[in-house]
Amino acid sequence: MKMFVEPSDIYLHRPVVDFRKSINGLANIVVAEMNLNVMSGALFIFCNKSKDKLKILYWDKTGFALWHKRLENNKFKWPNAEHENQLVLSEQQLNWLLNGFDIVGHKPLILSNLSL
């Protein structure tokens, strides 16, 4: 994803968000629920209930910017409830998410009490 800023950090807000919220509502979530500085230069990623839309909020040193993406025929691979409410992503993971790939790795295999 090419932007006008180089993000210091990338945070994913795992619980779904009411997409009627815009800049002020999403900024309030960053402060109240994520306990982060919304003006830090980080990207904050939110998803709607049907998981076909993303919003990315960031501060670009002159004001807030809100980036919105809607998928027409698919859903984003959004982390489920077993993950933390907030995840820190790399730029590569953000690109994977935007391209439709799963950003959370596979779970390790759990071996049963089998004798080898």
PDB file of N, CA and C in Angstrom:
ATOM      1  N   MET A   1       0.841  -1.171   0.000  1.00  0.00           N
ATOM      2  CA  MET A   1       0.000   0.000   0.000  1.00  0.00           C
ATOM      3  C   MET A   1       0.887   1.235   0.000  1.00  0.00           C
ATOM      4  N   LYS A   2       0.785   2.064  -0.983  1.00  0.00           N
ATOM      5  CA  LYS A   2       1.549   3.303  -1.041  1.00  0.00           C
ATOM      6  C   LYS A   2       0.750   4.407  -0.378  1.00  0.00           C
ATOM      7  N   MET A   3       1.396   5.103   0.552  1.00  0.00           N
ATOM      8  CA  MET A   3       0.750   6.209   1.253  1.00  0.00           C
ATOM      9  C   MET A   3       1.668   7.416   1.189  1.00  0.00           C
ATOM     10  N   PHE A   4       1.195   8.484   1.707  1.00  0.00           N
ATOM     11  CA  PHE A   4       1.976   9.706   1.744  1.00  0.00           C
ATOM     12  C   PHE A   4       2.846   9.790   2.988  1.00  0.00           C
ATOM     13  N   VAL A   5       2.756   8.807   3.864  1.00  0.00           N
ATOM     14  CA  VAL A   5       3.530   8.790   5.101  1.00  0.00           C
ATOM     15  C   VAL A   5       4.211   7.440   5.254  1.00  0.00           C
ATOM     16  N   GLU A   6       5.277   7.428   6.019  1.00  0.00           N
ATOM     17  CA  GLU A   6       5.911   6.179   6.439  1.00  0.00           C
ATOM     18  C   GLU A   6       5.440   5.930   7.866  1.00  0.00           C
ATOM     19  N   PRO A   7       4.619   4.913   8.088  1.00  0.00           N
ATOM     20  CA  PRO A   7       4.066   4.709   9.433  1.00  0.00           C
ATOM     21  C   PRO A   7       5.127   4.262  10.430  1.00  0.00           C
ATOM     22  N   SER A   8       5.013   4.805  11.637  1.00  0.00           N
ATOM     23  CA  SER A   8       5.909   4.374  12.708  1.00  0.00           C
ATOM     24  C   SER A   8       5.530   2.973  13.177  1.00  0.00           C
ATOM     25  N   ASP A   9       4.236   2.714  13.264  1.00  0.00           N
ATOM     26  CA  ASP A   9       3.704   1.415  13.678  1.00  0.00           C
ATOM     27  C   ASP A   9       2.399   1.176  12.934  1.00  0.00           C
ATOM     28  N   ILE A  10       1.969  -0.082  12.909  1.00  0.00           N
ATOM     29  CA  ILE A  10       0.704  -0.441  12.282  1.00  0.00           C
ATOM     30  C   ILE A  10      -0.068  -1.287  13.289  1.00  0.00           C
ATOM     31  N   TYR A  11      -1.241  -0.797  13.690  1.00  0.00           N
ATOM     32  CA  TYR A  11      -2.059  -1.478  14.684  1.00  0.00           C
ATOM     33  C   TYR A  11      -3.363  -1.927  14.049  1.00  0.00           C
ATOM     34  N   LEU A  12      -3.741  -3.164  14.313  1.00  0.00           N
ATOM     35  CA  LEU A  12      -5.005  -3.702  13.856  1.00  0.00           C
ATOM     36  C   LEU A  12      -5.928  -3.809  15.057  1.00  0.00           C
ATOM     37  N   HIS A  13      -7.100  -3.204  14.971  1.00  0.00           N
ATOM     38  CA  HIS A  13      -8.128  -3.304  16.012  1.00  0.00           C
ATOM     39  C   HIS A  13      -8.993  -4.500  15.637  1.00  0.00           C
ATOM     40  N   ARG A  14      -8.832  -5.634  16.352  1.00  0.00           N
ATOM     41  CA  ARG A  14      -9.479  -6.876  15.959  1.00  0.00           C
ATOM     42  C   ARG A  14     -11.004  -6.869  16.063  1.00  0.00           C
ATOM     43  N   PRO A  15     -11.624  -6.342  17.138  1.00  0.00           N
ATOM     44  CA  PRO A  15     -13.095  -6.345  17.164  1.00  0.00           C
ATOM     45  C   PRO A  15     -13.655  -5.513  16.005  1.00  0.00           C
ATOM     46  N   VAL A  16     -14.762  -5.966  15.449  1.00  0.00           N
ATOM     47  CA  VAL A  16     -15.371  -5.238  14.337  1.00  0.00           C
ATOM     48  C   VAL A  16     -15.901  -3.891  14.832  1.00  0.00           C
ATOM     49  N   VAL A  17     -16.044  -2.967  13.886  1.00  0.00           N
ATOM     50  CA  VAL A  17     -16.423  -1.595  14.204  1.00  0.00           C
ATOM     51  C   VAL A  17     -17.641  -1.204  13.370  1.00  0.00           C
ATOM     52  N   ASP A  18     -18.490  -0.396  13.940  1.00  0.00           N
ATOM     53  CA  ASP A  18     -19.624   0.183  13.219  1.00  0.00           C
ATOM     54  C   ASP A  18     -19.059   1.141  12.172  1.00  0.00           C
ATOM     55  N   PHE A  19     -19.273   0.850  10.905  1.00  0.00           N
ATOM     56  CA  PHE A  19     -18.648   1.639   9.852  1.00  0.00           C
ATOM     57  C   PHE A  19     -19.353   2.955   9.562  1.00  0.00           C
ATOM     58  N   ARG A  20     -20.329   3.303  10.371  1.00  0.00           N
ATOM     59  CA  ARG A  20     -20.858   4.669  10.302  1.00  0.00           C
ATOM     60  C   ARG A  20     -19.884   5.626  10.972  1.00  0.00           C
ATOM     61  N   LYS A  21     -18.953   5.064  11.763  1.00  0.00           N
ATOM     62  CA  LYS A  21     -17.935   5.900  12.406  1.00  0.00           C
ATOM     63  C   LYS A  21     -16.960   6.424  11.359  1.00  0.00           C
ATOM     64  N   SER A  22     -16.576   7.664  11.535  1.00  0.00           N
ATOM     65  CA  SER A  22     -15.600   8.264  10.647  1.00  0.00           C
ATOM     66  C   SER A  22     -14.372   8.634  11.471  1.00  0.00           C
ATOM     67  N   ILE A  23     -13.686   9.676  11.115  1.00  0.00           N
ATOM     68  CA  ILE A  23     -12.415  10.026  11.758  1.00  0.00           C
ATOM     69  C   ILE A  23     -12.562  10.195  13.264  1.00  0.00           C
ATOM     70  N   ASN A  24     -13.499  11.015  13.715  1.00  0.00           N
ATOM     71  CA  ASN A  24     -13.621  11.265  15.153  1.00  0.00           C
ATOM     72  C   ASN A  24     -13.983  10.006  15.929  1.00  0.00           C
ATOM     73  N   GLY A  25     -14.928   9.221  15.419  1.00  0.00           N
ATOM     74  CA  GLY A  25     -15.328   7.994  16.108  1.00  0.00           C
ATOM     75  C   GLY A  25     -14.206   6.974  16.176  1.00  0.00           C
ATOM     76  N   LEU A  26     -13.478   6.821  15.086  1.00  0.00           N
ATOM     77  CA  LEU A  26     -12.357   5.870  15.075  1.00  0.00           C
ATOM     78  C   LEU A  26     -11.207   6.371  15.952  1.00  0.00           C
ATOM     79  N   ALA A  27     -10.953   7.680  15.947  1.00  0.00           N
ATOM     80  CA  ALA A  27      -9.911   8.244  16.810  1.00  0.00           C
ATOM     81  C   ALA A  27     -10.260   7.999  18.271  1.00  0.00           C
ATOM     82  N   ASN A  28     -11.538   8.088  18.618  1.00  0.00           N
ATOM     83  CA  ASN A  28     -11.964   7.809  19.995  1.00  0.00           C
ATOM     84  C   ASN A  28     -11.702   6.355  20.371  1.00  0.00           C
ATOM     85  N   ILE A  29     -11.890   5.431  19.446  1.00  0.00           N
ATOM     86  CA  ILE A  29     -11.597   4.016  19.710  1.00  0.00           C
ATOM     87  C   ILE A  29     -10.109   3.833  19.979  1.00  0.00           C
ATOM     88  N   VAL A  30      -9.271   4.488  19.182  1.00  0.00           N
ATOM     89  CA  VAL A  30      -7.815   4.377  19.371  1.00  0.00           C
ATOM     90  C   VAL A  30      -7.430   4.816  20.778  1.00  0.00           C
ATOM     91  N   VAL A  31      -7.991   5.929  21.227  1.00  0.00           N
ATOM     92  CA  VAL A  31      -7.642   6.476  22.539  1.00  0.00           C
ATOM     93  C   VAL A  31      -8.279   5.661  23.663  1.00  0.00           C
ATOM     94  N   ALA A  32      -9.591   5.416  23.573  1.00  0.00           N
ATOM     95  CA  ALA A  32     -10.328   4.806  24.680  1.00  0.00           C
ATOM     96  C   ALA A  32     -10.133   3.290  24.787  1.00  0.00           C
ATOM     97  N   GLU A  33     -10.121   2.576  23.664  1.00  0.00           N
ATOM     98  CA  GLU A  33     -10.042   1.117  23.705  1.00  0.00           C
ATOM     99  C   GLU A  33      -8.629   0.584  23.511  1.00  0.00           C
ATOM    100  N   MET A  34      -7.861   1.244  22.648  1.00  0.00           N
ATOM    101  CA  MET A  34      -6.528   0.754  22.345  1.00  0.00           C
ATOM    102  C   MET A  34      -5.466   1.401  23.232  1.00  0.00           C
ATOM    103  N   ASN A  35      -5.830   2.466  23.932  1.00  0.00           N
ATOM    104  CA  ASN A  35      -4.913   3.198  24.814  1.00  0.00           C
ATOM    105  C   ASN A  35      -3.647   3.641  24.087  1.00  0.00           C
ATOM    106  N   LEU A  36      -3.831   4.171  22.872  1.00  0.00           N
ATOM    107  CA  LEU A  36      -2.699   4.615  22.063  1.00  0.00           C
ATOM    108  C   LEU A  36      -2.869   6.078  21.681  1.00  0.00           C
ATOM    109  N   ASN A  37      -1.762   6.703  21.310  1.00  0.00           N
ATOM    110  CA  ASN A  37      -1.771   8.092  20.859  1.00  0.00           C
ATOM    111  C   ASN A  37      -2.163   8.114  19.389  1.00  0.00           C
ATOM    112  N   VAL A  38      -3.329   8.657  19.107  1.00  0.00           N
ATOM    113  CA  VAL A  38      -3.855   8.663  17.750  1.00  0.00           C
ATOM    114  C   VAL A  38      -3.052   9.573  16.816  1.00  0.00           C
ATOM    115  N   MET A  39      -2.256  10.481  17.386  1.00  0.00           N
ATOM    116  CA  MET A  39      -1.463  11.412  16.587  1.00  0.00           C
ATOM    117  C   MET A  39       0.010  11.003  16.513  1.00  0.00           C
ATOM    118  N   SER A  40       0.285   9.730  16.725  1.00  0.00           N
ATOM    119  CA  SER A  40       1.664   9.227  16.760  1.00  0.00           C
ATOM    120  C   SER A  40       2.265   9.010  15.372  1.00  0.00           C
ATOM    121  N   GLY A  41       1.453   9.025  14.341  1.00  0.00           N
ATOM    122  CA  GLY A  41       1.941   8.704  13.006  1.00  0.00           C
ATOM    123  C   GLY A  41       1.735   7.242  12.641  1.00  0.00           C
ATOM    124  N   ALA A  42       1.157   6.473  13.555  1.00  0.00           N
ATOM    125  CA  ALA A  42       0.880   5.054  13.300  1.00  0.00           C
ATOM    126  C   ALA A  42      -0.376   4.907  12.446  1.00  0.00           C
ATOM    127  N   LEU A  43      -0.502   3.747  11.815  1.00  0.00           N
ATOM    128  CA  LEU A  43      -1.735   3.398  11.106  1.00  0.00           C
ATOM    129  C   LEU A  43      -2.605   2.582  12.045  1.00  0.00           C
ATOM    130  N   PHE A  44      -3.916   2.836  11.999  1.00  0.00           N
ATOM    131  CA  PHE A  44      -4.878   2.095  12.807  1.00  0.00           C
ATOM    132  C   PHE A  44      -5.904   1.492  11.851  1.00  0.00           C
ATOM    133  N   ILE A  45      -6.005   0.148  11.867  1.00  0.00           N
ATOM    134  CA  ILE A  45      -6.829  -0.569  10.894  1.00  0.00           C
ATOM    135  C   ILE A  45      -8.084  -1.102  11.583  1.00  0.00           C
ATOM    136  N   PHE A  46      -9.232  -0.894  10.928  1.00  0.00           N
ATOM    137  CA  PHE A  46     -10.532  -1.318  11.445  1.00  0.00           C
ATOM    138  C   PHE A  46     -11.275  -2.076  10.351  1.00  0.00           C
ATOM    139  N   CYS A  47     -12.160  -2.994  10.773  1.00  0.00           N
ATOM    140  CA  CYS A  47     -12.941  -3.786   9.829  1.00  0.00           C
ATOM    141  C   CYS A  47     -14.413  -3.747  10.224  1.00  0.00           C
ATOM    142  N   ASN A  48     -15.298  -3.901   9.235  1.00  0.00           N
ATOM    143  CA  ASN A  48     -16.729  -3.939   9.521  1.00  0.00           C
ATOM    144  C   ASN A  48     -17.172  -5.369   9.841  1.00  0.00           C
ATOM    145  N   LYS A  49     -18.439  -5.501  10.244  1.00  0.00           N
ATOM    146  CA  LYS A  49     -18.961  -6.794  10.686  1.00  0.00           C
ATOM    147  C   LYS A  49     -18.929  -7.848   9.581  1.00  0.00           C
ATOM    148  N   SER A  50     -19.245  -7.466   8.355  1.00  0.00           N
ATOM    149  CA  SER A  50     -19.259  -8.456   7.280  1.00  0.00           C
ATOM    150  C   SER A  50     -17.869  -8.728   6.702  1.00  0.00           C
ATOM    151  N   LYS A  51     -16.871  -8.007   7.199  1.00  0.00           N
ATOM    152  CA  LYS A  51     -15.458  -8.215   6.839  1.00  0.00           C
ATOM    153  C   LYS A  51     -15.171  -7.998   5.348  1.00  0.00           C
ATOM    154  N   ASP A  52     -15.943  -7.128   4.724  1.00  0.00           N
ATOM    155  CA  ASP A  52     -15.671  -6.798   3.330  1.00  0.00           C
ATOM    156  C   ASP A  52     -15.183  -5.357   3.163  1.00  0.00           C
ATOM    157  N   LYS A  53     -15.022  -4.647   4.288  1.00  0.00           N
ATOM    158  CA  LYS A  53     -14.548  -3.266   4.246  1.00  0.00           C
ATOM    159  C   LYS A  53     -13.496  -3.038   5.321  1.00  0.00           C
ATOM    160  N   LEU A  54     -12.495  -2.231   4.971  1.00  0.00           N
ATOM    161  CA  LEU A  54     -11.461  -1.803   5.917  1.00  0.00           C
ATOM    162  C   LEU A  54     -11.412  -0.291   5.937  1.00  0.00           C
ATOM    163  N   LYS A  55     -11.070   0.258   7.100  1.00  0.00           N
ATOM    164  CA  LYS A  55     -10.736   1.671   7.208  1.00  0.00           C
ATOM    165  C   LYS A  55      -9.386   1.755   7.894  1.00  0.00           C
ATOM    166  N   ILE A  56      -8.543   2.631   7.383  1.00  0.00           N
ATOM    167  CA  ILE A  56      -7.231   2.869   7.974  1.00  0.00           C
ATOM    168  C   ILE A  56      -7.139   4.348   8.309  1.00  0.00           C
ATOM    169  N   LEU A  57      -6.926   4.620   9.578  1.00  0.00           N
ATOM    170  CA  LEU A  57      -6.837   5.989  10.076  1.00  0.00           C
ATOM    171  C   LEU A  57      -5.386   6.308  10.404  1.00  0.00           C
ATOM    172  N   TYR A  58      -4.944   7.505  10.035  1.00  0.00           N
ATOM    173  CA  TYR A  58      -3.598   7.933  10.425  1.00  0.00           C
ATOM    174  C   TYR A  58      -3.521   9.446  10.458  1.00  0.00           C
ATOM    175  N   TRP A  59      -2.545   9.925  11.218  1.00  0.00           N
ATOM    176  CA  TRP A  59      -2.234  11.345  11.349  1.00  0.00           C
ATOM    177  C   TRP A  59      -1.031  11.617  10.460  1.00  0.00           C
ATOM    178  N   ASP A  60      -1.124  12.586   9.551  1.00  0.00           N
ATOM    179  CA  ASP A  60      -0.009  12.842   8.636  1.00  0.00           C
ATOM    180  C   ASP A  60       0.738  14.145   8.937  1.00  0.00           C
ATOM    181  N   LYS A  61       0.703  14.589  10.158  1.00  0.00           N
ATOM    182  CA  LYS A  61       1.385  15.785  10.670  1.00  0.00           C
ATOM    183  C   LYS A  61       0.642  17.085  10.368  1.00  0.00           C
ATOM    184  N   THR A  62      -0.360  17.032   9.498  1.00  0.00           N
ATOM    185  CA  THR A  62      -1.165  18.228   9.235  1.00  0.00           C
ATOM    186  C   THR A  62      -2.635  17.987   9.533  1.00  0.00           C
ATOM    187  N   GLY A  63      -3.012  16.740   9.670  1.00  0.00           N
ATOM    188  CA  GLY A  63      -4.402  16.380   9.935  1.00  0.00           C
ATOM    189  C   GLY A  63      -4.580  14.882   9.810  1.00  0.00           C
ATOM    190  N   PHE A  64      -5.791  14.436  10.068  1.00  0.00           N
ATOM    191  CA  PHE A  64      -6.103  13.010   9.959  1.00  0.00           C
ATOM    192  C   PHE A  64      -6.443  12.655   8.529  1.00  0.00           C
ATOM    193  N   ALA A  65      -6.090  11.439   8.150  1.00  0.00           N
ATOM    194  CA  ALA A  65      -6.472  10.892   6.852  1.00  0.00           C
ATOM    195  C   ALA A  65      -7.177   9.567   7.109  1.00  0.00           C
ATOM    196  N   LEU A  66      -8.164   9.283   6.302  1.00  0.00           N
ATOM    197  CA  LEU A  66      -8.922   8.043   6.431  1.00  0.00           C
ATOM    198  C   LEU A  66      -8.949   7.360   5.075  1.00  0.00           C
ATOM    199  N   TRP A  67      -8.423   6.144   5.041  1.00  0.00           N
ATOM    200  CA  TRP A  67      -8.353   5.344   3.825  1.00  0.00           C
ATOM    201  C   TRP A  67      -9.398   4.255   3.951  1.00  0.00           C
ATOM    202  N   HIS A  68     -10.183   4.012   2.919  1.00  0.00           N
ATOM    203  CA  HIS A  68     -11.288   3.055   2.962  1.00  0.00           C
ATOM    204  C   HIS A  68     -11.144   2.104   1.773  1.00  0.00           C
ATOM    205  N   LYS A  69     -11.258   0.800   2.047  1.00  0.00           N
ATOM    206  CA  LYS A  69     -11.221  -0.188   0.966  1.00  0.00           C
ATOM    207  C   LYS A  69     -12.415  -1.120   1.119  1.00  0.00           C
ATOM    208  N   ARG A  70     -13.092  -1.381  -0.012  1.00  0.00           N
ATOM    209  CA  ARG A  70     -14.223  -2.304  -0.038  1.00  0.00           C
ATOM    210  C   ARG A  70     -13.932  -3.402  -1.047  1.00  0.00           C
ATOM    211  N   LEU A  71     -14.105  -4.646  -0.619  1.00  0.00           N
ATOM    212  CA  LEU A  71     -13.973  -5.784  -1.529  1.00  0.00           C
ATOM    213  C   LEU A  71     -15.339  -6.070  -2.159  1.00  0.00           C
ATOM    214  N   GLU A  72     -15.328  -6.382  -3.418  1.00  0.00           N
ATOM    215  CA  GLU A  72     -16.589  -6.616  -4.120  1.00  0.00           C
ATOM    216  C   GLU A  72     -17.088  -8.049  -3.987  1.00  0.00           C
ATOM    217  N   ASN A  73     -16.189  -9.033  -4.010  1.00  0.00           N
ATOM    218  CA  ASN A  73     -16.637 -10.426  -4.041  1.00  0.00           C
ATOM    219  C   ASN A  73     -16.040 -11.307  -2.957  1.00  0.00           C
ATOM    220  N   ASN A  74     -15.260 -10.752  -2.068  1.00  0.00           N
ATOM    221  CA  ASN A  74     -14.577 -11.562  -1.061  1.00  0.00           C
ATOM    222  C   ASN A  74     -14.652 -10.902   0.297  1.00  0.00           C
ATOM    223  N   LYS A  75     -14.020 -11.536   1.259  1.00  0.00           N
ATOM    224  CA  LYS A  75     -13.919 -10.992   2.618  1.00  0.00           C
ATOM    225  C   LYS A  75     -12.453 -10.939   3.007  1.00  0.00           C
ATOM    226  N   PHE A  76     -12.120  -9.979   3.877  1.00  0.00           N
ATOM    227  CA  PHE A  76     -10.767  -9.909   4.399  1.00  0.00           C
ATOM    228  C   PHE A  76     -10.551 -11.054   5.376  1.00  0.00           C
ATOM    229  N   LYS A  77      -9.337 -11.574   5.413  1.00  0.00           N
ATOM    230  CA  LYS A  77      -8.970 -12.626   6.370  1.00  0.00           C
ATOM    231  C   LYS A  77      -8.666 -11.953   7.700  1.00  0.00           C
ATOM    232  N   TRP A  78      -9.689 -11.716   8.484  1.00  0.00           N
ATOM    233  CA  TRP A  78      -9.570 -10.957   9.720  1.00  0.00           C
ATOM    234  C   TRP A  78      -9.292 -11.902  10.878  1.00  0.00           C
ATOM    235  N   PRO A  79      -8.356 -11.561  11.779  1.00  0.00           N
ATOM    236  CA  PRO A  79      -8.073 -12.422  12.937  1.00  0.00           C
ATOM    237  C   PRO A  79      -9.336 -12.656  13.756  1.00  0.00           C
ATOM    238  N   ASN A  80      -9.495 -13.868  14.260  1.00  0.00           N
ATOM    239  CA  ASN A  80     -10.707 -14.190  15.011  1.00  0.00           C
ATOM    240  C   ASN A  80     -10.553 -13.907  16.504  1.00  0.00           C
ATOM    241  N   ALA A  81     -11.558 -14.288  17.263  1.00  0.00           N
ATOM    242  CA  ALA A  81     -11.643 -13.936  18.682  1.00  0.00           C
ATOM    243  C   ALA A  81     -10.541 -14.550  19.544  1.00  0.00           C
ATOM    244  N   GLU A  82      -9.848 -15.564  19.054  1.00  0.00           N
ATOM    245  CA  GLU A  82      -8.792 -16.152  19.876  1.00  0.00           C
ATOM    246  C   GLU A  82      -7.537 -15.288  19.915  1.00  0.00           C
ATOM    247  N   HIS A  83      -7.491 -14.250  19.086  1.00  0.00           N
ATOM    248  CA  HIS A  83      -6.345 -13.351  19.055  1.00  0.00           C
ATOM    249  C   HIS A  83      -6.604 -12.137  19.930  1.00  0.00           C
ATOM    250  N   GLU A  84      -5.548 -11.421  20.254  1.00  0.00           N
ATOM    251  CA  GLU A  84      -5.650 -10.208  21.049  1.00  0.00           C
ATOM    252  C   GLU A  84      -6.593  -9.211  20.376  1.00  0.00           C
ATOM    253  N   ASN A  85      -7.159  -8.297  21.177  1.00  0.00           N
ATOM    254  CA  ASN A  85      -8.031  -7.264  20.617  1.00  0.00           C
ATOM    255  C   ASN A  85      -7.260  -6.278  19.756  1.00  0.00           C
ATOM    256  N   GLN A  86      -5.957  -6.256  19.920  1.00  0.00           N
ATOM    257  CA  GLN A  86      -5.131  -5.319  19.157  1.00  0.00           C
ATOM    258  C   GLN A  86      -3.861  -6.043  18.758  1.00  0.00           C
ATOM    259  N   LEU A  87      -3.517  -5.981  17.488  1.00  0.00           N
ATOM    260  CA  LEU A  87      -2.319  -6.630  16.989  1.00  0.00           C
ATOM    261  C   LEU A  87      -1.406  -5.587  16.354  1.00  0.00           C
ATOM    262  N   VAL A  88      -0.105  -5.793  16.472  1.00  0.00           N
ATOM    263  CA  VAL A  88       0.874  -4.948  15.795  1.00  0.00           C
ATOM    264  C   VAL A  88       1.294  -5.688  14.538  1.00  0.00           C
ATOM    265  N   LEU A  89       1.192  -5.017  13.401  1.00  0.00           N
ATOM    266  CA  LEU A  89       1.517  -5.642  12.119  1.00  0.00           C
ATOM    267  C   LEU A  89       2.785  -5.052  11.521  1.00  0.00           C
ATOM    268  N   SER A  90       3.421  -5.831  10.691  1.00  0.00           N
ATOM    269  CA  SER A  90       4.525  -5.327   9.874  1.00  0.00           C
ATOM    270  C   SER A  90       3.919  -4.772   8.583  1.00  0.00           C
ATOM    271  N   GLU A  91       4.720  -4.042   7.811  1.00  0.00           N
ATOM    272  CA  GLU A  91       4.232  -3.550   6.520  1.00  0.00           C
ATOM    273  C   GLU A  91       3.898  -4.719   5.600  1.00  0.00           C
ATOM    274  N   GLN A  92       4.683  -5.791   5.671  1.00  0.00           N
ATOM    275  CA  GLN A  92       4.407  -6.979   4.855  1.00  0.00           C
ATOM    276  C   GLN A  92       3.052  -7.581   5.223  1.00  0.00           C
ATOM    277  N   GLN A  93       2.762  -7.685   6.522  1.00  0.00           N
ATOM    278  CA  GLN A  93       1.472  -8.221   6.945  1.00  0.00           C
ATOM    279  C   GLN A  93       0.317  -7.327   6.486  1.00  0.00           C
ATOM    280  N   LEU A  94       0.509  -6.018   6.523  1.00  0.00           N
ATOM    281  CA  LEU A  94      -0.508  -5.099   6.018  1.00  0.00           C
ATOM    282  C   LEU A  94      -0.746  -5.357   4.531  1.00  0.00           C
ATOM    283  N   ASN A  95       0.319  -5.514   3.774  1.00  0.00           N
ATOM    284  CA  ASN A  95       0.171  -5.821   2.342  1.00  0.00           C
ATOM    285  C   ASN A  95      -0.542  -7.147   2.124  1.00  0.00           C
ATOM    286  N   TRP A  96      -0.210  -8.152   2.939  1.00  0.00           N
ATOM    287  CA  TRP A  96      -0.899  -9.439   2.837  1.00  0.00           C
ATOM    288  C   TRP A  96      -2.390  -9.258   3.100  1.00  0.00           C
ATOM    289  N   LEU A  97      -2.722  -8.531   4.159  1.00  0.00           N
ATOM    290  CA  LEU A  97      -4.124  -8.298   4.499  1.00  0.00           C
ATOM    291  C   LEU A  97      -4.853  -7.619   3.346  1.00  0.00           C
ATOM    292  N   LEU A  98      -4.267  -6.560   2.807  1.00  0.00           N
ATOM    293  CA  LEU A  98      -4.903  -5.821   1.710  1.00  0.00           C
ATOM    294  C   LEU A  98      -5.025  -6.650   0.438  1.00  0.00           C
ATOM    295  N   ASN A  99      -4.152  -7.645   0.288  1.00  0.00           N
ATOM    296  CA  ASN A  99      -4.197  -8.525  -0.882  1.00  0.00           C
ATOM    297  C   ASN A  99      -5.018  -9.790  -0.648  1.00  0.00           C
ATOM    298  N   GLY A 100      -5.653  -9.892   0.523  1.00  0.00           N
ATOM    299  CA  GLY A 100      -6.548 -11.013   0.781  1.00  0.00           C
ATOM    300  C   GLY A 100      -5.937 -12.215   1.447  1.00  0.00           C
ATOM    301  N   PHE A 101      -4.696 -12.105   1.917  1.00  0.00           N
ATOM    302  CA  PHE A 101      -4.052 -13.237   2.572  1.00  0.00           C
ATOM    303  C   PHE A 101      -4.239 -13.173   4.079  1.00  0.00           C
ATOM    304  N   ASP A 102      -4.101 -14.306   4.725  1.00  0.00           N
ATOM    305  CA  ASP A 102      -4.180 -14.403   6.178  1.00  0.00           C
ATOM    306  C   ASP A 102      -2.910 -13.817   6.782  1.00  0.00           C
ATOM    307  N   ILE A 103      -3.055 -12.933   7.767  1.00  0.00           N
ATOM    308  CA  ILE A 103      -1.879 -12.305   8.375  1.00  0.00           C
ATOM    309  C   ILE A 103      -1.372 -13.048   9.600  1.00  0.00           C
ATOM    310  N   VAL A 104      -2.176 -13.953  10.121  1.00  0.00           N
ATOM    311  CA  VAL A 104      -1.781 -14.706  11.307  1.00  0.00           C
ATOM    312  C   VAL A 104      -1.317 -16.072  10.841  1.00  0.00           C
ATOM    313  N   GLY A 105      -0.131 -16.472  11.269  1.00  0.00           N
ATOM    314  CA  GLY A 105       0.450 -17.738  10.824  1.00  0.00           C
ATOM    315  C   GLY A 105      -0.344 -18.943  11.276  1.00  0.00           C
ATOM    316  N   HIS A 106       0.045 -20.045  10.762  1.00  0.00           N
ATOM    317  CA  HIS A 106      -0.616 -21.292  11.117  1.00  0.00           C
ATOM    318  C   HIS A 106      -0.327 -21.645  12.567  1.00  0.00           C
ATOM    319  N   LYS A 107      -1.279 -22.321  13.174  1.00  0.00           N
ATOM    320  CA  LYS A 107      -1.072 -22.794  14.538  1.00  0.00           C
ATOM    321  C   LYS A 107      -0.109 -23.975  14.513  1.00  0.00           C
ATOM    322  N   PRO A 108       0.721 -24.098  15.540  1.00  0.00           N
ATOM    323  CA  PRO A 108       1.608 -25.257  15.585  1.00  0.00           C
ATOM    324  C   PRO A 108       0.802 -26.542  15.788  1.00  0.00           C
ATOM    325  N   LEU A 109       1.306 -27.610  15.229  1.00  0.00           N
ATOM    326  CA  LEU A 109       0.644 -28.897  15.422  1.00  0.00           C
ATOM    327  C   LEU A 109       0.794 -29.343  16.867  1.00  0.00           C
ATOM    328  N   ILE A 110      -0.271 -29.884  17.393  1.00  0.00           N
ATOM    329  CA  ILE A 110      -0.218 -30.430  18.749  1.00  0.00           C
ATOM    330  C   ILE A 110      -0.150 -31.942  18.612  1.00  0.00           C
ATOM    331  N   LEU A 111       0.944 -32.472  19.081  1.00  0.00           N
ATOM    332  CA  LEU A 111       1.125 -33.927  18.989  1.00  0.00           C
ATOM    333  C   LEU A 111       0.417 -34.596  20.143  1.00  0.00           C
ATOM    334  N   SER A 112      -0.279 -35.652  19.839  1.00  0.00           N
ATOM    335  CA  SER A 112      -0.926 -36.417  20.889  1.00  0.00           C
ATOM    336  C   SER A 112       0.109 -37.337  21.544  1.00  0.00           C
ATOM    337  N   ASN A 113      -0.298 -38.106  22.453  1.00  0.00           N
ATOM    338  CA  ASN A 113       0.592 -39.007  23.168  1.00  0.00           C
ATOM    339  C   ASN A 113       0.911 -40.248  22.338  1.00  0.00           C
ATOM    340  N   LEU A 114       1.390 -40.024  21.157  1.00  0.00           N
ATOM    341  CA  LEU A 114       1.755 -41.141  20.291  1.00  0.00           C
ATOM    342  C   LEU A 114       3.203 -41.533  20.537  1.00  0.00           C
ATOM    343  N   SER A 115       3.458 -42.804  20.509  1.00  0.00           N
ATOM    344  CA  SER A 115       4.837 -43.270  20.621  1.00  0.00           C
ATOM    345  C   SER A 115       5.402 -43.361  19.225  1.00  0.00           C
ATOM    346  N   LEU A 116       6.596 -42.869  19.096  1.00  0.00           N
ATOM    347  CA  LEU A 116       7.229 -42.934  17.787  1.00  0.00           C
ATOM    348  C   LEU A 116       8.186 -44.070  17.709  1.00  0.00           C
TER     349      LEU A 116
END
